[in-house]
Amino acid sequence: MINYVKKKIGHIFIKNQRKLDQVKIQIAQAFFLNLELNLDKIKNLETINYKVFSQHGEDGIIQYLIKKLNLKEIKFVEIGTEDYSESNTRYIYQTMNCEGLIIDPYKNLKNQIQKHISLSSNKLKIHNDYADKENILEILKLNNFENNLDLFSIDVDGIDYWIIKELPKKISKIFIAEYNPFFGPNAEVTVPYIKNFNRTKYHYSNLCYGVSLKALVNLMKEKQYTFIGSNNKNTNAFFISNDYIEKIPIKISNLENLEIFTNCKIREAKDKNGKFDFRENDEILNTQVLNLVTNKVEYLNKSF
């Protein structure tokens, strides 16, 4: 009897949540209609941040880029979605003609996703495991997502650099990658390659993860992409394939000065007892990172 009641309550909750999500979508569509009418007036990404199901306003930026590139049928890959309640691709999957692949080790991922969206169309493939530099190409090939993509998004709070490094050049038109703003504007660093990387286990501060923005921009330049800006919290970087950059009028004038994109607006530092202490600059110093200039594991310091 207790299990029956729990199941009924669960169904009611899911039904109500989906209704609320539909309201979010309807409100967003009105915003994006206005965006479409003013596409040529957009000068930077800050003015088009808008959150539907993304974490920090990425939905608005993605809509702008899709409309400027005139994309209709979208093929995407997103790595690092957790249960898909918050993700960069959920809005477009629910409102546009999309074919997608999501990759995440989140427990019972398919069942968790079905609490938020319907999978009846069979257009969303789910790979419920970690991605790393050894298996990423195999995962993409197995699911027929190794090329001709419209959007690629990665946010794994760890070995993002190493996964991206394995990807082919110009794998997608739009590329979104998380970076670590706490590494600052000048450091060219990433965390060492560790399978199943866990940022909290790696260092108590919770701040030593991922890749610095400068290192990411340089890597993406090798992959033939142009950096056009970040989300409103300065955690996700947006890139456009050089084949399509002429369609996007937004340009970053000085890539040697990335400071405005590393002023993080999220407080995540923890002390040695696991409590938030908000001392980002102090806590991240003397964590071990791979210096991509010297190719050596070194302690992060202010001279980087």
C-alpha atoms as a PDB file:
ATOM      1  CA  MET A   1       0.000   0.000   0.000  1.00  0.00           C
ATOM      2  CA  ILE A   2       2.821   2.397   0.927  1.00  0.00           C
ATOM      3  CA  ASN A   3       4.612   1.743  -2.380  1.00  0.00           C
ATOM      4  CA  TYR A   4       1.370   2.335  -4.277  1.00  0.00           C
ATOM      5  CA  VAL A   5       0.860   5.696  -2.569  1.00  0.00           C
ATOM      6  CA  LYS A   6       4.482   6.698  -3.246  1.00  0.00           C
ATOM      7  CA  LYS A   7       4.056   5.779  -6.905  1.00  0.00           C
ATOM      8  CA  LYS A   8       0.841   7.804  -7.238  1.00  0.00           C
ATOM      9  CA  ILE A   9       2.438  10.829  -5.562  1.00  0.00           C
ATOM     10  CA  GLY A  10       5.429  10.484  -7.868  1.00  0.00           C
ATOM     11  CA  HIS A  11       3.210  10.462 -10.964  1.00  0.00           C
ATOM     12  CA  ILE A  12       1.325  13.540  -9.739  1.00  0.00           C
ATOM     13  CA  PHE A  13       4.586  15.384  -9.073  1.00  0.00           C
ATOM     14  CA  ILE A  14       5.959  14.542 -12.516  1.00  0.00           C
ATOM     15  CA  LYS A  15       2.717  15.606 -14.199  1.00  0.00           C
ATOM     16  CA  ASN A  16       2.662  18.938 -12.366  1.00  0.00           C
ATOM     17  CA  GLN A  17       6.358  19.532 -13.056  1.00  0.00           C
ATOM     18  CA  ARG A  18       5.839  18.967 -16.767  1.00  0.00           C
ATOM     19  CA  LYS A  19       2.973  21.484 -16.739  1.00  0.00           C
ATOM     20  CA  LEU A  20       5.251  24.058 -15.107  1.00  0.00           C
ATOM     21  CA  ASP A  21       7.930  23.296 -17.665  1.00  0.00           C
ATOM     22  CA  GLN A  22       5.455  23.916 -20.477  1.00  0.00           C
ATOM     23  CA  VAL A  23       4.682  27.335 -19.003  1.00  0.00           C
ATOM     24  CA  LYS A  24       8.448  28.058 -18.954  1.00  0.00           C
ATOM     25  CA  ILE A  25       8.647  27.078 -22.613  1.00  0.00           C
ATOM     26  CA  GLN A  26       5.712  29.298 -23.608  1.00  0.00           C
ATOM     27  CA  ILE A  27       7.194  32.325 -21.835  1.00  0.00           C
ATOM     28  CA  ALA A  28      10.585  31.623 -23.411  1.00  0.00           C
ATOM     29  CA  GLN A  29       9.108  31.390 -26.890  1.00  0.00           C
ATOM     30  CA  ALA A  30       7.728  34.897 -26.531  1.00  0.00           C
ATOM     31  CA  PHE A  31      11.180  36.145 -25.500  1.00  0.00           C
ATOM     32  CA  PHE A  32      12.875  34.339 -28.375  1.00  0.00           C
ATOM     33  CA  LEU A  33      10.366  35.702 -30.879  1.00  0.00           C
ATOM     34  CA  ASN A  34      11.387  39.201 -29.821  1.00  0.00           C
ATOM     35  CA  LEU A  35      15.041  38.132 -30.043  1.00  0.00           C
ATOM     36  CA  GLU A  36      14.518  36.998 -33.625  1.00  0.00           C
ATOM     37  CA  LEU A  37      13.082  40.391 -34.538  1.00  0.00           C
ATOM     38  CA  ASN A  38      16.211  42.095 -33.197  1.00  0.00           C
ATOM     39  CA  LEU A  39      18.998  39.744 -34.262  1.00  0.00           C
ATOM     40  CA  ASP A  40      21.020  42.394 -36.049  1.00  0.00           C
ATOM     41  CA  LYS A  41      21.066  44.637 -32.981  1.00  0.00           C
ATOM     42  CA  ILE A  42      22.925  42.134 -30.799  1.00  0.00           C
ATOM     43  CA  LYS A  43      26.466  43.305 -30.058  1.00  0.00           C
ATOM     44  CA  ASN A  44      27.521  40.916 -27.284  1.00  0.00           C
ATOM     45  CA  LEU A  45      26.320  37.782 -25.541  1.00  0.00           C
ATOM     46  CA  GLU A  46      25.511  39.533 -22.257  1.00  0.00           C
ATOM     47  CA  THR A  47      22.274  40.978 -23.619  1.00  0.00           C
ATOM     48  CA  ILE A  48      20.860  37.620 -24.703  1.00  0.00           C
ATOM     49  CA  ASN A  49      21.421  35.478 -21.637  1.00  0.00           C
ATOM     50  CA  TYR A  50      18.134  33.726 -20.898  1.00  0.00           C
ATOM     51  CA  LYS A  51      17.502  30.642 -18.777  1.00  0.00           C
ATOM     52  CA  VAL A  52      14.832  28.077 -19.525  1.00  0.00           C
ATOM     53  CA  PHE A  53      16.491  24.767 -18.654  1.00  0.00           C
ATOM     54  CA  SER A  54      20.150  25.770 -18.854  1.00  0.00           C
ATOM     55  CA  GLN A  55      22.157  26.659 -15.750  1.00  0.00           C
ATOM     56  CA  HIS A  56      23.129  30.270 -16.375  1.00  0.00           C
ATOM     57  CA  GLY A  57      21.422  31.820 -19.375  1.00  0.00           C
ATOM     58  CA  GLU A  58      22.903  29.605 -22.093  1.00  0.00           C
ATOM     59  CA  ASP A  59      19.455  28.999 -23.645  1.00  0.00           C
ATOM     60  CA  GLY A  60      19.246  32.581 -24.865  1.00  0.00           C
ATOM     61  CA  ILE A  61      22.733  32.527 -26.399  1.00  0.00           C
ATOM     62  CA  ILE A  62      22.068  29.197 -28.097  1.00  0.00           C
ATOM     63  CA  GLN A  63      18.818  30.512 -29.590  1.00  0.00           C
ATOM     64  CA  TYR A  64      20.623  33.565 -30.943  1.00  0.00           C
ATOM     65  CA  LEU A  65      23.321  31.446 -32.589  1.00  0.00           C
ATOM     66  CA  ILE A  66      20.809  28.971 -34.027  1.00  0.00           C
ATOM     67  CA  LYS A  67      18.808  31.789 -35.568  1.00  0.00           C
ATOM     68  CA  LYS A  68      21.864  33.591 -36.956  1.00  0.00           C
ATOM     69  CA  LEU A  69      23.115  30.355 -38.494  1.00  0.00           C
ATOM     70  CA  ASN A  70      19.597  29.544 -39.717  1.00  0.00           C
ATOM     71  CA  LEU A  71      19.663  26.016 -38.290  1.00  0.00           C
ATOM     72  CA  LYS A  72      16.418  24.055 -38.594  1.00  0.00           C
ATOM     73  CA  GLU A  73      17.114  20.384 -37.962  1.00  0.00           C
ATOM     74  CA  ILE A  74      19.676  20.231 -35.198  1.00  0.00           C
ATOM     75  CA  LYS A  75      22.032  17.402 -34.361  1.00  0.00           C
ATOM     76  CA  PHE A  76      23.745  17.792 -31.000  1.00  0.00           C
ATOM     77  CA  VAL A  77      25.943  16.121 -28.409  1.00  0.00           C
ATOM     78  CA  GLU A  78      25.966  17.144 -24.767  1.00  0.00           C
ATOM     79  CA  ILE A  79      28.399  15.673 -22.249  1.00  0.00           C
ATOM     80  CA  GLY A  80      27.590  16.334 -18.608  1.00  0.00           C
ATOM     81  CA  THR A  81      23.818  16.634 -18.203  1.00  0.00           C
ATOM     82  CA  GLU A  82      23.102  14.839 -14.930  1.00  0.00           C
ATOM     83  CA  ASP A  83      19.350  14.083 -14.993  1.00  0.00           C
ATOM     84  CA  TYR A  84      18.666  16.556 -17.872  1.00  0.00           C
ATOM     85  CA  SER A  85      16.583  18.863 -15.668  1.00  0.00           C
ATOM     86  CA  GLU A  86      19.256  21.531 -16.279  1.00  0.00           C
ATOM     87  CA  SER A  87      21.147  21.323 -19.546  1.00  0.00           C
ATOM     88  CA  ASN A  88      22.146  23.328 -22.601  1.00  0.00           C
ATOM     89  CA  THR A  89      20.202  21.210 -25.086  1.00  0.00           C
ATOM     90  CA  ARG A  90      16.939  20.360 -23.347  1.00  0.00           C
ATOM     91  CA  TYR A  91      15.046  23.428 -24.564  1.00  0.00           C
ATOM     92  CA  ILE A  92      15.959  22.916 -28.197  1.00  0.00           C
ATOM     93  CA  TYR A  93      15.211  19.193 -27.931  1.00  0.00           C
ATOM     94  CA  GLN A  94      11.711  19.910 -26.640  1.00  0.00           C
ATOM     95  CA  THR A  95      10.897  22.704 -29.074  1.00  0.00           C
ATOM     96  CA  MET A  96      12.780  21.988 -32.308  1.00  0.00           C
ATOM     97  CA  ASN A  97      13.397  19.115 -34.668  1.00  0.00           C
ATOM     98  CA  CYS A  98      16.472  17.650 -33.013  1.00  0.00           C
ATOM     99  CA  GLU A  99      18.507  14.486 -32.914  1.00  0.00           C
ATOM    100  CA  GLY A 100      20.697  14.285 -29.854  1.00  0.00           C
ATOM    101  CA  LEU A 101      23.183  12.272 -27.843  1.00  0.00           C
ATOM    102  CA  ILE A 102      23.711  12.893 -24.161  1.00  0.00           C
ATOM    103  CA  ILE A 103      26.524  11.357 -22.131  1.00  0.00           C
ATOM    104  CA  ASP A 104      26.581  11.231 -18.344  1.00  0.00           C
ATOM    105  CA  PRO A 105      27.316   8.679 -15.569  1.00  0.00           C
ATOM    106  CA  TYR A 106      24.268   9.823 -13.553  1.00  0.00           C
ATOM    107  CA  LYS A 107      22.605   6.799 -11.905  1.00  0.00           C
ATOM    108  CA  ASN A 108      19.581   5.375 -13.790  1.00  0.00           C
ATOM    109  CA  LEU A 109      19.929   8.200 -16.305  1.00  0.00           C
ATOM    110  CA  LYS A 110      17.200   7.131 -18.721  1.00  0.00           C
ATOM    111  CA  ASN A 111      14.607   6.749 -15.962  1.00  0.00           C
ATOM    112  CA  GLN A 112      15.580  10.101 -14.483  1.00  0.00           C
ATOM    113  CA  ILE A 113      15.315  11.833 -17.854  1.00  0.00           C
ATOM    114  CA  GLN A 114      11.836  10.425 -18.441  1.00  0.00           C
ATOM    115  CA  LYS A 115      10.650  12.302 -15.369  1.00  0.00           C
ATOM    116  CA  HIS A 116      11.236  15.526 -17.306  1.00  0.00           C
ATOM    117  CA  ILE A 117      10.659  14.736 -20.972  1.00  0.00           C
ATOM    118  CA  SER A 118       9.145  12.115 -23.245  1.00  0.00           C
ATOM    119  CA  LEU A 119      11.529   9.801 -25.064  1.00  0.00           C
ATOM    120  CA  SER A 120       8.856   8.347 -27.342  1.00  0.00           C
ATOM    121  CA  SER A 121      10.337   9.883 -30.500  1.00  0.00           C
ATOM    122  CA  ASN A 122      13.549   7.851 -30.057  1.00  0.00           C
ATOM    123  CA  LYS A 123      15.561  10.860 -31.233  1.00  0.00           C
ATOM    124  CA  LEU A 124      17.524  11.238 -28.017  1.00  0.00           C
ATOM    125  CA  LYS A 125      20.262   8.680 -27.496  1.00  0.00           C
ATOM    126  CA  ILE A 126      21.568   8.169 -23.974  1.00  0.00           C
ATOM    127  CA  HIS A 127      25.020   6.943 -23.042  1.00  0.00           C
ATOM    128  CA  ASN A 128      24.950   6.341 -19.289  1.00  0.00           C
ATOM    129  CA  ASP A 129      28.655   6.303 -18.414  1.00  0.00           C
ATOM    130  CA  TYR A 130      31.733   8.484 -18.056  1.00  0.00           C
ATOM    131  CA  ALA A 131      33.362   9.994 -21.115  1.00  0.00           C
ATOM    132  CA  ASP A 132      37.153  10.204 -21.206  1.00  0.00           C
ATOM    133  CA  LYS A 133      39.922  10.663 -23.745  1.00  0.00           C
ATOM    134  CA  GLU A 134      40.130   6.913 -24.425  1.00  0.00           C
ATOM    135  CA  ASN A 135      36.456   6.316 -25.170  1.00  0.00           C
ATOM    136  CA  ILE A 136      34.973   9.571 -26.483  1.00  0.00           C
ATOM    137  CA  LEU A 137      35.579   8.881 -30.173  1.00  0.00           C
ATOM    138  CA  GLU A 138      34.262   5.345 -29.797  1.00  0.00           C
ATOM    139  CA  ILE A 139      31.080   6.607 -28.092  1.00  0.00           C
ATOM    140  CA  LEU A 140      30.464   9.166 -30.835  1.00  0.00           C
ATOM    141  CA  LYS A 141      31.098   6.660 -33.618  1.00  0.00           C
ATOM    142  CA  LEU A 142      28.928   3.986 -32.016  1.00  0.00           C
ATOM    143  CA  ASN A 143      26.003   6.404 -31.934  1.00  0.00           C
ATOM    144  CA  ASN A 144      26.721   8.001 -35.339  1.00  0.00           C
ATOM    145  CA  PHE A 145      27.525  11.409 -33.862  1.00  0.00           C
ATOM    146  CA  GLU A 146      31.180  11.694 -34.847  1.00  0.00           C
ATOM    147  CA  ASN A 147      30.761  14.537 -37.379  1.00  0.00           C
ATOM    148  CA  ASN A 148      28.374  16.969 -39.085  1.00  0.00           C
ATOM    149  CA  LEU A 149      27.047  18.228 -35.759  1.00  0.00           C
ATOM    150  CA  ASP A 150      25.331  21.541 -35.208  1.00  0.00           C
ATOM    151  CA  LEU A 151      26.041  21.875 -31.500  1.00  0.00           C
ATOM    152  CA  PHE A 152      28.498  20.259 -29.103  1.00  0.00           C
ATOM    153  CA  SER A 153      28.400  21.022 -25.377  1.00  0.00           C
ATOM    154  CA  ILE A 154      30.696  19.721 -22.645  1.00  0.00           C
ATOM    155  CA  ASP A 155      30.587  20.355 -18.904  1.00  0.00           C
ATOM    156  CA  VAL A 156      32.117  17.570 -16.810  1.00  0.00           C
ATOM    157  CA  ASP A 157      33.761  19.610 -14.022  1.00  0.00           C
ATOM    158  CA  GLY A 158      37.086  17.959 -14.654  1.00  0.00           C
ATOM    159  CA  ILE A 159      38.862  16.507 -17.660  1.00  0.00           C
ATOM    160  CA  ASP A 160      37.069  18.653 -20.258  1.00  0.00           C
ATOM    161  CA  TYR A 161      40.396  19.679 -21.842  1.00  0.00           C
ATOM    162  CA  TRP A 162      41.491  16.087 -22.398  1.00  0.00           C
ATOM    163  CA  ILE A 163      38.195  15.074 -23.991  1.00  0.00           C
ATOM    164  CA  ILE A 164      38.121  18.104 -26.292  1.00  0.00           C
ATOM    165  CA  LYS A 165      41.726  17.446 -27.305  1.00  0.00           C
ATOM    166  CA  GLU A 166      40.649  14.091 -28.780  1.00  0.00           C
ATOM    167  CA  LEU A 167      37.833  15.538 -30.878  1.00  0.00           C
ATOM    168  CA  PRO A 168      38.263  16.181 -34.605  1.00  0.00           C
ATOM    169  CA  LYS A 169      38.564  19.726 -35.891  1.00  0.00           C
ATOM    170  CA  LYS A 170      35.300  21.576 -36.551  1.00  0.00           C
ATOM    171  CA  ILE A 171      33.182  18.748 -35.155  1.00  0.00           C
ATOM    172  CA  SER A 172      30.212  21.123 -34.865  1.00  0.00           C
ATOM    173  CA  LYS A 173      29.092  24.580 -35.906  1.00  0.00           C
ATOM    174  CA  ILE A 174      28.530  25.733 -32.311  1.00  0.00           C
ATOM    175  CA  PHE A 175      30.762  24.540 -29.478  1.00  0.00           C
ATOM    176  CA  ILE A 176      30.131  25.220 -25.783  1.00  0.00           C
ATOM    177  CA  ALA A 177      32.695  24.271 -23.147  1.00  0.00           C
ATOM    178  CA  GLU A 178      32.924  24.825 -19.432  1.00  0.00           C
ATOM    179  CA  TYR A 179      36.090  26.470 -18.137  1.00  0.00           C
ATOM    180  CA  ASN A 180      37.429  27.281 -14.685  1.00  0.00           C
ATOM    181  CA  PRO A 181      37.356  31.056 -14.115  1.00  0.00           C
ATOM    182  CA  PHE A 182      39.157  30.647 -10.782  1.00  0.00           C
ATOM    183  CA  PHE A 183      42.357  29.858 -12.708  1.00  0.00           C
ATOM    184  CA  GLY A 184      42.330  33.486 -13.847  1.00  0.00           C
ATOM    185  CA  PRO A 185      42.862  35.163 -17.243  1.00  0.00           C
ATOM    186  CA  ASN A 186      46.533  34.382 -17.834  1.00  0.00           C
ATOM    187  CA  ALA A 187      47.196  30.810 -16.730  1.00  0.00           C
ATOM    188  CA  GLU A 188      47.393  28.099 -19.376  1.00  0.00           C
ATOM    189  CA  VAL A 189      46.545  25.147 -17.166  1.00  0.00           C
ATOM    190  CA  THR A 190      44.290  22.147 -16.785  1.00  0.00           C
ATOM    191  CA  VAL A 191      43.828  19.495 -14.145  1.00  0.00           C
ATOM    192  CA  PRO A 192      45.950  16.398 -14.806  1.00  0.00           C
ATOM    193  CA  TYR A 193      44.252  13.574 -16.671  1.00  0.00           C
ATOM    194  CA  ILE A 194      42.449  11.404 -14.103  1.00  0.00           C
ATOM    195  CA  LYS A 195      39.647   9.050 -15.092  1.00  0.00           C
ATOM    196  CA  ASN A 196      36.333   9.651 -13.313  1.00  0.00           C
ATOM    197  CA  PHE A 197      37.736  12.923 -11.990  1.00  0.00           C
ATOM    198  CA  ASN A 198      35.917  14.309  -8.929  1.00  0.00           C
ATOM    199  CA  ARG A 199      36.641  17.952  -8.189  1.00  0.00           C
ATOM    200  CA  THR A 200      35.810  17.772  -4.483  1.00  0.00           C
ATOM    201  CA  LYS A 201      37.933  14.688  -3.941  1.00  0.00           C
ATOM    202  CA  TYR A 202      40.806  16.189  -5.930  1.00  0.00           C
ATOM    203  CA  HIS A 203      41.046  19.218  -3.665  1.00  0.00           C
ATOM    204  CA  TYR A 204      38.947  20.184  -0.666  1.00  0.00           C
ATOM    205  CA  SER A 205      38.402  23.720  -2.011  1.00  0.00           C
ATOM    206  CA  ASN A 206      36.146  22.392  -4.800  1.00  0.00           C
ATOM    207  CA  LEU A 207      37.837  24.935  -7.071  1.00  0.00           C
ATOM    208  CA  CYS A 208      40.537  22.933  -8.837  1.00  0.00           C
ATOM    209  CA  TYR A 209      38.814  21.413 -11.860  1.00  0.00           C
ATOM    210  CA  GLY A 210      38.680  21.719 -15.610  1.00  0.00           C
ATOM    211  CA  VAL A 211      40.719  24.057 -17.764  1.00  0.00           C
ATOM    212  CA  SER A 212      41.622  27.741 -17.730  1.00  0.00           C
ATOM    213  CA  LEU A 213      39.943  29.955 -20.299  1.00  0.00           C
ATOM    214  CA  LYS A 214      43.219  30.912 -22.004  1.00  0.00           C
ATOM    215  CA  ALA A 215      44.174  27.258 -22.448  1.00  0.00           C
ATOM    216  CA  LEU A 216      40.698  26.474 -23.751  1.00  0.00           C
ATOM    217  CA  VAL A 217      40.755  29.339 -26.259  1.00  0.00           C
ATOM    218  CA  ASN A 218      44.154  28.188 -27.534  1.00  0.00           C
ATOM    219  CA  LEU A 219      42.993  24.581 -27.847  1.00  0.00           C
ATOM    220  CA  MET A 220      39.846  25.599 -29.693  1.00  0.00           C
ATOM    221  CA  LYS A 221      41.918  27.738 -32.022  1.00  0.00           C
ATOM    222  CA  GLU A 222      43.754  24.540 -32.987  1.00  0.00           C
ATOM    223  CA  LYS A 223      40.357  22.948 -33.593  1.00  0.00           C
ATOM    224  CA  GLN A 224      39.569  25.887 -35.924  1.00  0.00           C
ATOM    225  CA  TYR A 225      37.057  27.712 -33.739  1.00  0.00           C
ATOM    226  CA  THR A 226      36.661  31.348 -32.740  1.00  0.00           C
ATOM    227  CA  PHE A 227      35.823  32.409 -29.185  1.00  0.00           C
ATOM    228  CA  ILE A 228      32.842  34.791 -29.037  1.00  0.00           C
ATOM    229  CA  GLY A 229      32.149  35.127 -25.303  1.00  0.00           C
ATOM    230  CA  SER A 230      30.723  33.428 -22.247  1.00  0.00           C
ATOM    231  CA  ASN A 231      27.525  33.028 -20.249  1.00  0.00           C
ATOM    232  CA  ASN A 232      26.512  35.556 -17.602  1.00  0.00           C
ATOM    233  CA  LYS A 233      28.344  33.750 -14.784  1.00  0.00           C
ATOM    234  CA  ASN A 234      31.608  33.393 -16.748  1.00  0.00           C
ATOM    235  CA  THR A 235      31.701  29.606 -16.602  1.00  0.00           C
ATOM    236  CA  ASN A 236      30.796  28.432 -20.122  1.00  0.00           C
ATOM    237  CA  ALA A 237      32.649  29.606 -23.244  1.00  0.00           C
ATOM    238  CA  PHE A 238      31.014  29.815 -26.668  1.00  0.00           C
ATOM    239  CA  PHE A 239      32.865  29.088 -29.896  1.00  0.00           C
ATOM    240  CA  ILE A 240      31.873  29.126 -33.564  1.00  0.00           C
ATOM    241  CA  SER A 241      33.519  27.045 -36.256  1.00  0.00           C
ATOM    242  CA  ASN A 242      35.646  29.242 -38.505  1.00  0.00           C
ATOM    243  CA  ASP A 243      33.548  28.021 -41.440  1.00  0.00           C
ATOM    244  CA  TYR A 244      30.550  29.916 -40.009  1.00  0.00           C
ATOM    245  CA  ILE A 245      32.069  32.775 -38.018  1.00  0.00           C
ATOM    246  CA  GLU A 246      31.277  35.345 -40.723  1.00  0.00           C
ATOM    247  CA  LYS A 247      27.581  34.869 -39.931  1.00  0.00           C
ATOM    248  CA  ILE A 248      28.163  35.898 -36.307  1.00  0.00           C
ATOM    249  CA  PRO A 249      29.008  39.607 -35.953  1.00  0.00           C
ATOM    250  CA  ILE A 250      30.162  39.284 -32.338  1.00  0.00           C
ATOM    251  CA  LYS A 251      33.936  39.522 -32.035  1.00  0.00           C
ATOM    252  CA  ILE A 252      36.273  39.553 -29.028  1.00  0.00           C
ATOM    253  CA  SER A 253      38.675  42.374 -29.810  1.00  0.00           C
ATOM    254  CA  ASN A 254      41.526  41.401 -27.485  1.00  0.00           C
ATOM    255  CA  LEU A 255      42.111  37.727 -26.756  1.00  0.00           C
ATOM    256  CA  GLU A 256      45.220  38.676 -24.799  1.00  0.00           C
ATOM    257  CA  ASN A 257      42.996  40.201 -22.106  1.00  0.00           C
ATOM    258  CA  LEU A 258      40.431  37.665 -20.898  1.00  0.00           C
ATOM    259  CA  GLU A 259      39.923  39.194 -17.465  1.00  0.00           C
ATOM    260  CA  ILE A 260      36.305  40.217 -18.057  1.00  0.00           C
ATOM    261  CA  PHE A 261      35.486  36.556 -18.751  1.00  0.00           C
ATOM    262  CA  THR A 262      37.192  35.196 -15.618  1.00  0.00           C
ATOM    263  CA  ASN A 263      35.450  37.373 -13.068  1.00  0.00           C
ATOM    264  CA  CYS A 264      33.388  34.493 -11.716  1.00  0.00           C
ATOM    265  CA  LYS A 265      29.950  35.330 -10.351  1.00  0.00           C
ATOM    266  CA  ILE A 266      29.468  32.048  -8.530  1.00  0.00           C
ATOM    267  CA  ARG A 267      30.737  31.363  -5.017  1.00  0.00           C
ATOM    268  CA  GLU A 268      31.942  27.766  -4.691  1.00  0.00           C
ATOM    269  CA  ALA A 269      34.981  27.710  -2.381  1.00  0.00           C
ATOM    270  CA  LYS A 270      34.974  25.322   0.574  1.00  0.00           C
ATOM    271  CA  ASP A 271      37.236  25.076   3.581  1.00  0.00           C
ATOM    272  CA  LYS A 272      38.892  21.903   4.846  1.00  0.00           C
ATOM    273  CA  ASN A 273      35.724  21.013   6.762  1.00  0.00           C
ATOM    274  CA  GLY A 274      33.616  21.092   3.597  1.00  0.00           C
ATOM    275  CA  LYS A 275      31.867  24.349   4.468  1.00  0.00           C
ATOM    276  CA  PHE A 276      31.548  27.265   2.051  1.00  0.00           C
ATOM    277  CA  ASP A 277      33.992  29.995   3.006  1.00  0.00           C
ATOM    278  CA  PHE A 278      33.972  32.241  -0.105  1.00  0.00           C
ATOM    279  CA  ARG A 279      37.766  32.738  -0.119  1.00  0.00           C
ATOM    280  CA  GLU A 280      38.311  31.669  -3.728  1.00  0.00           C
ATOM    281  CA  ASN A 281      41.650  33.375  -4.311  1.00  0.00           C
ATOM    282  CA  ASP A 282      43.213  31.912  -1.186  1.00  0.00           C
ATOM    283  CA  GLU A 283      41.780  28.416  -1.397  1.00  0.00           C
ATOM    284  CA  ILE A 284      42.786  27.676  -4.998  1.00  0.00           C
ATOM    285  CA  LEU A 285      46.439  28.640  -4.589  1.00  0.00           C
ATOM    286  CA  ASN A 286      48.877  25.756  -4.276  1.00  0.00           C
ATOM    287  CA  THR A 287      46.595  23.231  -5.945  1.00  0.00           C
ATOM    288  CA  GLN A 288      48.290  20.934  -8.461  1.00  0.00           C
ATOM    289  CA  VAL A 289      47.636  21.623 -12.138  1.00  0.00           C
ATOM    290  CA  LEU A 290      49.295  20.780 -15.426  1.00  0.00           C
ATOM    291  CA  ASN A 291      51.075  23.844 -16.769  1.00  0.00           C
ATOM    292  CA  LEU A 292      50.510  23.537 -20.530  1.00  0.00           C
ATOM    293  CA  VAL A 293      53.408  25.893 -21.248  1.00  0.00           C
ATOM    294  CA  THR A 294      55.996  23.782 -19.420  1.00  0.00           C
ATOM    295  CA  ASN A 295      54.020  20.519 -19.705  1.00  0.00           C
ATOM    296  CA  LYS A 296      54.714  19.863 -16.040  1.00  0.00           C
ATOM    297  CA  VAL A 297      52.461  19.317 -13.037  1.00  0.00           C
ATOM    298  CA  GLU A 298      53.035  22.338 -10.842  1.00  0.00           C
ATOM    299  CA  TYR A 299      51.430  24.123  -7.926  1.00  0.00           C
ATOM    300  CA  LEU A 300      49.136  26.918  -9.043  1.00  0.00           C
ATOM    301  CA  ASN A 301      50.380  30.304  -7.916  1.00  0.00           C
ATOM    302  CA  LYS A 302      49.907  33.981  -8.670  1.00  0.00           C
ATOM    303  CA  SER A 303      52.791  34.038 -11.155  1.00  0.00           C
ATOM    304  CA  PHE A 304      50.933  31.842 -13.676  1.00  0.00           C
END
